[in-house]
């Protein structure tokens, strides 16, 4: 069997583009540009990642798809539109991620379990999002099911963000009274820090996903109801 070309961490940035995010489009665009520039200027880091950027509202828009940021020229330009359809986002990932993993493996790479960085400022407006999330994260049905780092702000409820995150320590909510534009900026700073630390760990004997808590956020632990 030929030697693998390398080991990759497929990384998905999934941001809420619903109408309520309108005031923060500039921060979203700046955060994405900063992330892309960080990867471009650090080829050793970028070589271990493939970046996808998706925006969701009523549907999903694809801005980057498992891109090698060492050679990617265009930058994502997000917008604000529509409702907050979590289910559409999770259904898209359920179809997209296995296809991406198969593609990367066909290119000769070993592929670590993908990671999704999710940001929303609101509650889901669709009723079927929990079923869509379960299908995405159930490793029996979706062997390439991702780890999800979920960050909520504004009217996104702590309980909801805790459900979206695949581990308790992967869910964060902005503290009450936090400026939401600043919260978006902190999300991208923490995302970048997480990727830098995780890429450094990929070559170790025990590869580890490192998650940095955004400044001004707390862990979104869910309350036990019974």
C-alpha atoms as a PDB file:
ATOM      1  CA  UNK A   1       0.000   0.000   0.000  1.00  0.00           C
ATOM      2  CA  UNK A   2       1.469   3.405  -0.917  1.00  0.00           C
ATOM      3  CA  UNK A   3       2.424   5.736   1.915  1.00  0.00           C
ATOM      4  CA  UNK A   4      -0.163   8.393   2.765  1.00  0.00           C
ATOM      5  CA  UNK A   5       0.482  11.919   1.456  1.00  0.00           C
ATOM      6  CA  UNK A   6      -0.266  13.276   4.924  1.00  0.00           C
ATOM      7  CA  UNK A   7      -2.898  13.497   7.627  1.00  0.00           C
ATOM      8  CA  UNK A   8      -5.720  16.032   7.369  1.00  0.00           C
ATOM      9  CA  UNK A   9      -8.303  17.546   9.695  1.00  0.00           C
ATOM     10  CA  UNK A  10     -11.389  18.590   7.678  1.00  0.00           C
ATOM     11  CA  UNK A  11     -12.683  21.763   9.323  1.00  0.00           C
ATOM     12  CA  UNK A  12     -16.140  23.251   8.744  1.00  0.00           C
ATOM     13  CA  UNK A  13     -17.055  26.777   9.793  1.00  0.00           C
ATOM     14  CA  UNK A  14     -20.861  26.942   9.923  1.00  0.00           C
ATOM     15  CA  UNK A  15     -22.206  30.433  10.602  1.00  0.00           C
ATOM     16  CA  UNK A  16     -25.744  31.701  11.081  1.00  0.00           C
ATOM     17  CA  UNK A  17     -26.779  34.011   8.237  1.00  0.00           C
ATOM     18  CA  UNK A  18     -30.332  34.642   9.422  1.00  0.00           C
ATOM     19  CA  UNK A  19     -31.696  38.183   9.284  1.00  0.00           C
ATOM     20  CA  UNK A  20     -30.883  38.844  12.945  1.00  0.00           C
ATOM     21  CA  UNK A  21     -27.171  38.502  12.126  1.00  0.00           C
ATOM     22  CA  UNK A  22     -27.389  41.553   9.828  1.00  0.00           C
ATOM     23  CA  UNK A  23     -25.708  43.953  12.270  1.00  0.00           C
ATOM     24  CA  UNK A  24     -22.719  41.616  12.560  1.00  0.00           C
ATOM     25  CA  UNK A  25     -21.988  40.801   8.915  1.00  0.00           C
ATOM     26  CA  UNK A  26     -18.885  43.004   8.981  1.00  0.00           C
ATOM     27  CA  UNK A  27     -17.512  41.113  11.983  1.00  0.00           C
ATOM     28  CA  UNK A  28     -18.300  37.790  10.323  1.00  0.00           C
ATOM     29  CA  UNK A  29     -16.527  38.823   7.138  1.00  0.00           C
ATOM     30  CA  UNK A  30     -13.527  40.209   9.032  1.00  0.00           C
ATOM     31  CA  UNK A  31     -13.278  37.075  11.184  1.00  0.00           C
ATOM     32  CA  UNK A  32     -13.358  34.782   8.166  1.00  0.00           C
ATOM     33  CA  UNK A  33     -10.779  36.897   6.348  1.00  0.00           C
ATOM     34  CA  UNK A  34      -8.498  36.832   9.391  1.00  0.00           C
ATOM     35  CA  UNK A  35      -8.813  33.045   9.667  1.00  0.00           C
ATOM     36  CA  UNK A  36      -8.041  32.541   5.978  1.00  0.00           C
ATOM     37  CA  UNK A  37      -5.068  34.899   6.157  1.00  0.00           C
ATOM     38  CA  UNK A  38      -3.707  33.113   9.214  1.00  0.00           C
ATOM     39  CA  UNK A  39      -3.798  29.823   7.321  1.00  0.00           C
ATOM     40  CA  UNK A  40      -2.226  31.340   4.207  1.00  0.00           C
ATOM     41  CA  UNK A  41       0.708  32.749   6.144  1.00  0.00           C
ATOM     42  CA  UNK A  42       1.298  29.510   8.052  1.00  0.00           C
ATOM     43  CA  UNK A  43       1.731  26.821   5.375  1.00  0.00           C
ATOM     44  CA  UNK A  44       2.786  24.195   7.919  1.00  0.00           C
ATOM     45  CA  UNK A  45      -0.557  24.713   9.651  1.00  0.00           C
ATOM     46  CA  UNK A  46      -2.595  24.935   6.460  1.00  0.00           C
ATOM     47  CA  UNK A  47      -1.060  21.732   5.107  1.00  0.00           C
ATOM     48  CA  UNK A  48      -2.787  19.766   7.864  1.00  0.00           C
ATOM     49  CA  UNK A  49      -6.235  21.275   7.379  1.00  0.00           C
ATOM     50  CA  UNK A  50      -8.875  21.521   4.705  1.00  0.00           C
ATOM     51  CA  UNK A  51     -11.314  24.359   5.302  1.00  0.00           C
ATOM     52  CA  UNK A  52     -14.987  24.591   4.385  1.00  0.00           C
ATOM     53  CA  UNK A  53     -17.083  27.689   5.090  1.00  0.00           C
ATOM     54  CA  UNK A  54     -20.881  27.427   5.058  1.00  0.00           C
ATOM     55  CA  UNK A  55     -23.603  29.941   5.860  1.00  0.00           C
ATOM     56  CA  UNK A  56     -27.088  28.835   6.875  1.00  0.00           C
ATOM     57  CA  UNK A  57     -30.516  30.411   7.148  1.00  0.00           C
ATOM     58  CA  UNK A  58     -33.477  28.930   5.228  1.00  0.00           C
ATOM     59  CA  UNK A  59     -30.902  26.953   3.271  1.00  0.00           C
ATOM     60  CA  UNK A  60     -27.126  26.532   3.130  1.00  0.00           C
ATOM     61  CA  UNK A  61     -24.712  28.544   1.023  1.00  0.00           C
ATOM     62  CA  UNK A  62     -21.255  27.166   0.340  1.00  0.00           C
ATOM     63  CA  UNK A  63     -18.410  29.679   0.343  1.00  0.00           C
ATOM     64  CA  UNK A  64     -15.463  27.304   0.562  1.00  0.00           C
ATOM     65  CA  UNK A  65     -15.358  23.522   0.315  1.00  0.00           C
ATOM     66  CA  UNK A  66     -12.476  21.555   1.882  1.00  0.00           C
ATOM     67  CA  UNK A  67     -10.060  24.116   0.475  1.00  0.00           C
ATOM     68  CA  UNK A  68      -6.289  24.013   0.773  1.00  0.00           C
ATOM     69  CA  UNK A  69      -5.710  27.533   2.058  1.00  0.00           C
ATOM     70  CA  UNK A  70      -2.128  27.529   0.817  1.00  0.00           C
ATOM     71  CA  UNK A  71      -3.499  27.958  -2.712  1.00  0.00           C
ATOM     72  CA  UNK A  72      -7.016  29.307  -2.137  1.00  0.00           C
ATOM     73  CA  UNK A  73      -7.338  32.872  -3.473  1.00  0.00           C
ATOM     74  CA  UNK A  74     -10.956  33.917  -2.895  1.00  0.00           C
ATOM     75  CA  UNK A  75     -12.391  34.954   0.471  1.00  0.00           C
ATOM     76  CA  UNK A  76     -15.870  34.104   1.816  1.00  0.00           C
ATOM     77  CA  UNK A  77     -18.390  36.970   1.679  1.00  0.00           C
ATOM     78  CA  UNK A  78     -21.326  36.150   3.960  1.00  0.00           C
ATOM     79  CA  UNK A  79     -24.693  37.924   4.105  1.00  0.00           C
ATOM     80  CA  UNK A  80     -27.810  38.075   6.286  1.00  0.00           C
ATOM     81  CA  UNK A  81     -31.095  36.610   5.106  1.00  0.00           C
ATOM     82  CA  UNK A  82     -34.067  34.512   6.152  1.00  0.00           C
ATOM     83  CA  UNK A  83     -34.699  32.370   9.194  1.00  0.00           C
ATOM     84  CA  UNK A  84     -32.561  30.211  11.488  1.00  0.00           C
ATOM     85  CA  UNK A  85     -33.014  26.710  10.087  1.00  0.00           C
ATOM     86  CA  UNK A  86     -30.685  24.465  12.079  1.00  0.00           C
ATOM     87  CA  UNK A  87     -32.100  21.381  10.371  1.00  0.00           C
ATOM     88  CA  UNK A  88     -31.059  22.547   6.918  1.00  0.00           C
ATOM     89  CA  UNK A  89     -27.514  23.086   8.178  1.00  0.00           C
ATOM     90  CA  UNK A  90     -27.245  19.668   9.804  1.00  0.00           C
ATOM     91  CA  UNK A  91     -28.809  17.869   6.820  1.00  0.00           C
ATOM     92  CA  UNK A  92     -26.316  19.538   4.509  1.00  0.00           C
ATOM     93  CA  UNK A  93     -23.382  18.400   6.651  1.00  0.00           C
ATOM     94  CA  UNK A  94     -24.759  14.850   6.829  1.00  0.00           C
ATOM     95  CA  UNK A  95     -24.529  14.633   3.030  1.00  0.00           C
ATOM     96  CA  UNK A  96     -21.426  16.779   2.584  1.00  0.00           C
ATOM     97  CA  UNK A  97     -18.972  15.412   5.151  1.00  0.00           C
ATOM     98  CA  UNK A  98     -18.880  11.734   4.053  1.00  0.00           C
ATOM     99  CA  UNK A  99     -18.428  12.860   0.448  1.00  0.00           C
ATOM    100  CA  UNK A 100     -15.573  15.171   1.424  1.00  0.00           C
ATOM    101  CA  UNK A 101     -13.872  12.481   3.489  1.00  0.00           C
ATOM    102  CA  UNK A 102     -14.078   9.991   0.639  1.00  0.00           C
ATOM    103  CA  UNK A 103     -12.594  12.572  -1.720  1.00  0.00           C
ATOM    104  CA  UNK A 104      -9.678  13.386   0.572  1.00  0.00           C
ATOM    105  CA  UNK A 105      -8.938   9.716   1.121  1.00  0.00           C
ATOM    106  CA  UNK A 106      -9.036   9.107  -2.621  1.00  0.00           C
ATOM    107  CA  UNK A 107      -6.363  11.799  -2.922  1.00  0.00           C
ATOM    108  CA  UNK A 108      -4.092   9.691  -0.738  1.00  0.00           C
ATOM    109  CA  UNK A 109      -4.573  11.342   2.664  1.00  0.00           C
ATOM    110  CA  UNK A 110      -5.389   9.896   6.034  1.00  0.00           C
ATOM    111  CA  UNK A 111      -8.323  11.820   7.487  1.00  0.00           C
ATOM    112  CA  UNK A 112      -9.043  12.614  11.122  1.00  0.00           C
ATOM    113  CA  UNK A 113     -12.606  12.951  12.343  1.00  0.00           C
ATOM    114  CA  UNK A 114     -13.935  16.255  10.969  1.00  0.00           C
ATOM    115  CA  UNK A 115     -14.672  19.202  13.237  1.00  0.00           C
ATOM    116  CA  UNK A 116     -17.479  21.736  12.870  1.00  0.00           C
ATOM    117  CA  UNK A 117     -17.328  25.210  14.425  1.00  0.00           C
ATOM    118  CA  UNK A 118     -20.944  26.377  14.723  1.00  0.00           C
ATOM    119  CA  UNK A 119     -22.045  29.943  15.534  1.00  0.00           C
ATOM    120  CA  UNK A 120     -25.621  31.174  15.943  1.00  0.00           C
ATOM    121  CA  UNK A 121     -27.341  34.145  17.562  1.00  0.00           C
ATOM    122  CA  UNK A 122     -30.808  32.602  17.744  1.00  0.00           C
ATOM    123  CA  UNK A 123     -33.063  29.688  18.430  1.00  0.00           C
ATOM    124  CA  UNK A 124     -33.864  27.283  15.558  1.00  0.00           C
ATOM    125  CA  UNK A 125     -36.999  28.203  13.641  1.00  0.00           C
ATOM    126  CA  UNK A 126     -37.575  24.663  12.316  1.00  0.00           C
ATOM    127  CA  UNK A 127     -39.097  21.782  14.253  1.00  0.00           C
ATOM    128  CA  UNK A 128     -37.029  18.913  12.835  1.00  0.00           C
ATOM    129  CA  UNK A 129     -33.544  20.091  13.766  1.00  0.00           C
ATOM    130  CA  UNK A 130     -33.014  17.545  16.539  1.00  0.00           C
ATOM    131  CA  UNK A 131     -33.656  14.613  14.179  1.00  0.00           C
ATOM    132  CA  UNK A 132     -31.269  16.114  11.635  1.00  0.00           C
ATOM    133  CA  UNK A 133     -28.627  16.624  14.323  1.00  0.00           C
ATOM    134  CA  UNK A 134     -28.979  13.043  15.563  1.00  0.00           C
ATOM    135  CA  UNK A 135     -28.482  11.666  12.065  1.00  0.00           C
ATOM    136  CA  UNK A 136     -25.379  13.821  11.622  1.00  0.00           C
ATOM    137  CA  UNK A 137     -23.772  12.855  14.925  1.00  0.00           C
ATOM    138  CA  UNK A 138     -24.780   9.168  15.159  1.00  0.00           C
ATOM    139  CA  UNK A 139     -21.566   7.364  14.244  1.00  0.00           C
ATOM    140  CA  UNK A 140     -23.450   4.169  13.396  1.00  0.00           C
ATOM    141  CA  UNK A 141     -25.378   5.957  10.643  1.00  0.00           C
ATOM    142  CA  UNK A 142     -22.691   8.495   9.769  1.00  0.00           C
ATOM    143  CA  UNK A 143     -19.264   6.929  10.404  1.00  0.00           C
ATOM    144  CA  UNK A 144     -17.546  10.242   9.580  1.00  0.00           C
ATOM    145  CA  UNK A 145     -19.762  12.085  12.087  1.00  0.00           C
ATOM    146  CA  UNK A 146     -17.991  15.277  13.164  1.00  0.00           C
ATOM    147  CA  UNK A 147     -17.106  16.762  16.503  1.00  0.00           C
ATOM    148  CA  UNK A 148     -19.197  19.932  16.847  1.00  0.00           C
ATOM    149  CA  UNK A 149     -17.980  22.996  18.708  1.00  0.00           C
ATOM    150  CA  UNK A 150     -21.141  25.063  19.241  1.00  0.00           C
ATOM    151  CA  UNK A 151     -21.139  28.742  20.182  1.00  0.00           C
ATOM    152  CA  UNK A 152     -24.297  30.700  20.886  1.00  0.00           C
ATOM    153  CA  UNK A 153     -24.984  34.347  21.551  1.00  0.00           C
ATOM    154  CA  UNK A 154     -27.944  36.720  21.633  1.00  0.00           C
ATOM    155  CA  UNK A 155     -31.192  34.740  21.893  1.00  0.00           C
ATOM    156  CA  UNK A 156     -29.546  31.331  21.388  1.00  0.00           C
ATOM    157  CA  UNK A 157     -30.436  29.396  24.526  1.00  0.00           C
ATOM    158  CA  UNK A 158     -27.895  27.623  26.668  1.00  0.00           C
ATOM    159  CA  UNK A 159     -29.850  24.366  26.541  1.00  0.00           C
ATOM    160  CA  UNK A 160     -29.966  24.410  22.736  1.00  0.00           C
ATOM    161  CA  UNK A 161     -26.243  25.078  22.321  1.00  0.00           C
ATOM    162  CA  UNK A 162     -25.480  22.306  24.809  1.00  0.00           C
ATOM    163  CA  UNK A 163     -27.522  19.911  22.654  1.00  0.00           C
ATOM    164  CA  UNK A 164     -25.749  20.913  19.444  1.00  0.00           C
ATOM    165  CA  UNK A 165     -22.274  20.448  20.934  1.00  0.00           C
ATOM    166  CA  UNK A 166     -21.107  16.839  20.741  1.00  0.00           C
ATOM    167  CA  UNK A 167     -19.419  17.010  24.148  1.00  0.00           C
ATOM    168  CA  UNK A 168     -20.284  19.141  27.196  1.00  0.00           C
ATOM    169  CA  UNK A 169     -16.976  20.985  27.014  1.00  0.00           C
ATOM    170  CA  UNK A 170     -17.603  21.828  23.339  1.00  0.00           C
ATOM    171  CA  UNK A 171     -20.598  24.127  23.935  1.00  0.00           C
ATOM    172  CA  UNK A 172     -20.215  27.834  24.751  1.00  0.00           C
ATOM    173  CA  UNK A 173     -22.590  30.768  25.193  1.00  0.00           C
ATOM    174  CA  UNK A 174     -21.747  34.458  25.343  1.00  0.00           C
ATOM    175  CA  UNK A 175     -22.174  35.977  28.774  1.00  0.00           C
ATOM    176  CA  UNK A 176     -25.255  38.104  29.322  1.00  0.00           C
ATOM    177  CA  UNK A 177     -24.693  41.679  28.207  1.00  0.00           C
ATOM    178  CA  UNK A 178     -21.799  40.819  25.891  1.00  0.00           C
ATOM    179  CA  UNK A 179     -21.520  43.001  22.792  1.00  0.00           C
ATOM    180  CA  UNK A 180     -22.474  40.594  20.011  1.00  0.00           C
ATOM    181  CA  UNK A 181     -20.138  42.087  17.431  1.00  0.00           C
ATOM    182  CA  UNK A 182     -17.289  41.508  19.868  1.00  0.00           C
ATOM    183  CA  UNK A 183     -18.591  37.996  20.535  1.00  0.00           C
ATOM    184  CA  UNK A 184     -18.316  37.190  16.811  1.00  0.00           C
ATOM    185  CA  UNK A 185     -14.718  38.434  16.804  1.00  0.00           C
ATOM    186  CA  UNK A 186     -13.884  36.347  19.877  1.00  0.00           C
ATOM    187  CA  UNK A 187     -15.424  33.275  18.221  1.00  0.00           C
ATOM    188  CA  UNK A 188     -13.022  33.561  15.300  1.00  0.00           C
ATOM    189  CA  UNK A 189     -10.022  34.233  17.510  1.00  0.00           C
ATOM    190  CA  UNK A 190     -10.780  31.115  19.543  1.00  0.00           C
ATOM    191  CA  UNK A 191     -11.403  29.101  16.375  1.00  0.00           C
ATOM    192  CA  UNK A 192      -7.999  30.101  15.005  1.00  0.00           C
ATOM    193  CA  UNK A 193      -6.286  29.268  18.296  1.00  0.00           C
ATOM    194  CA  UNK A 194      -8.020  25.883  18.380  1.00  0.00           C
ATOM    195  CA  UNK A 195      -6.862  25.025  14.870  1.00  0.00           C
ATOM    196  CA  UNK A 196      -3.271  26.060  15.563  1.00  0.00           C
ATOM    197  CA  UNK A 197      -3.104  23.933  18.708  1.00  0.00           C
ATOM    198  CA  UNK A 198      -4.916  20.984  17.108  1.00  0.00           C
ATOM    199  CA  UNK A 199      -2.673  20.988  14.032  1.00  0.00           C
ATOM    200  CA  UNK A 200       0.375  20.847  16.279  1.00  0.00           C
ATOM    201  CA  UNK A 201      -1.117  17.808  18.009  1.00  0.00           C
ATOM    202  CA  UNK A 202      -1.938  15.936  14.793  1.00  0.00           C
ATOM    203  CA  UNK A 203       1.610  14.681  14.371  1.00  0.00           C
ATOM    204  CA  UNK A 204       1.902  13.392  17.931  1.00  0.00           C
ATOM    205  CA  UNK A 205       1.506   9.787  19.035  1.00  0.00           C
ATOM    206  CA  UNK A 206      -1.895  10.713  20.496  1.00  0.00           C
ATOM    207  CA  UNK A 207      -3.606  13.228  18.154  1.00  0.00           C
ATOM    208  CA  UNK A 208      -5.918  15.507  20.095  1.00  0.00           C
ATOM    209  CA  UNK A 209      -8.583  18.022  19.197  1.00  0.00           C
ATOM    210  CA  UNK A 210      -7.789  21.161  21.186  1.00  0.00           C
ATOM    211  CA  UNK A 211     -10.694  23.545  21.816  1.00  0.00           C
ATOM    212  CA  UNK A 212     -10.166  27.109  23.031  1.00  0.00           C
ATOM    213  CA  UNK A 213     -13.015  28.823  24.872  1.00  0.00           C
ATOM    214  CA  UNK A 214     -13.856  32.182  23.290  1.00  0.00           C
ATOM    215  CA  UNK A 215     -13.243  35.167  25.554  1.00  0.00           C
ATOM    216  CA  UNK A 216     -16.519  36.316  27.083  1.00  0.00           C
ATOM    217  CA  UNK A 217     -18.188  32.904  26.692  1.00  0.00           C
ATOM    218  CA  UNK A 218     -19.005  30.281  29.313  1.00  0.00           C
ATOM    219  CA  UNK A 219     -19.531  26.539  28.913  1.00  0.00           C
ATOM    220  CA  UNK A 220     -23.142  25.825  27.967  1.00  0.00           C
ATOM    221  CA  UNK A 221     -23.887  23.057  30.425  1.00  0.00           C
ATOM    222  CA  UNK A 222     -27.427  21.732  30.156  1.00  0.00           C
ATOM    223  CA  UNK A 223     -29.655  21.420  33.216  1.00  0.00           C
ATOM    224  CA  UNK A 224     -30.695  17.925  34.296  1.00  0.00           C
ATOM    225  CA  UNK A 225     -34.494  17.951  34.286  1.00  0.00           C
ATOM    226  CA  UNK A 226     -35.275  14.544  35.815  1.00  0.00           C
END
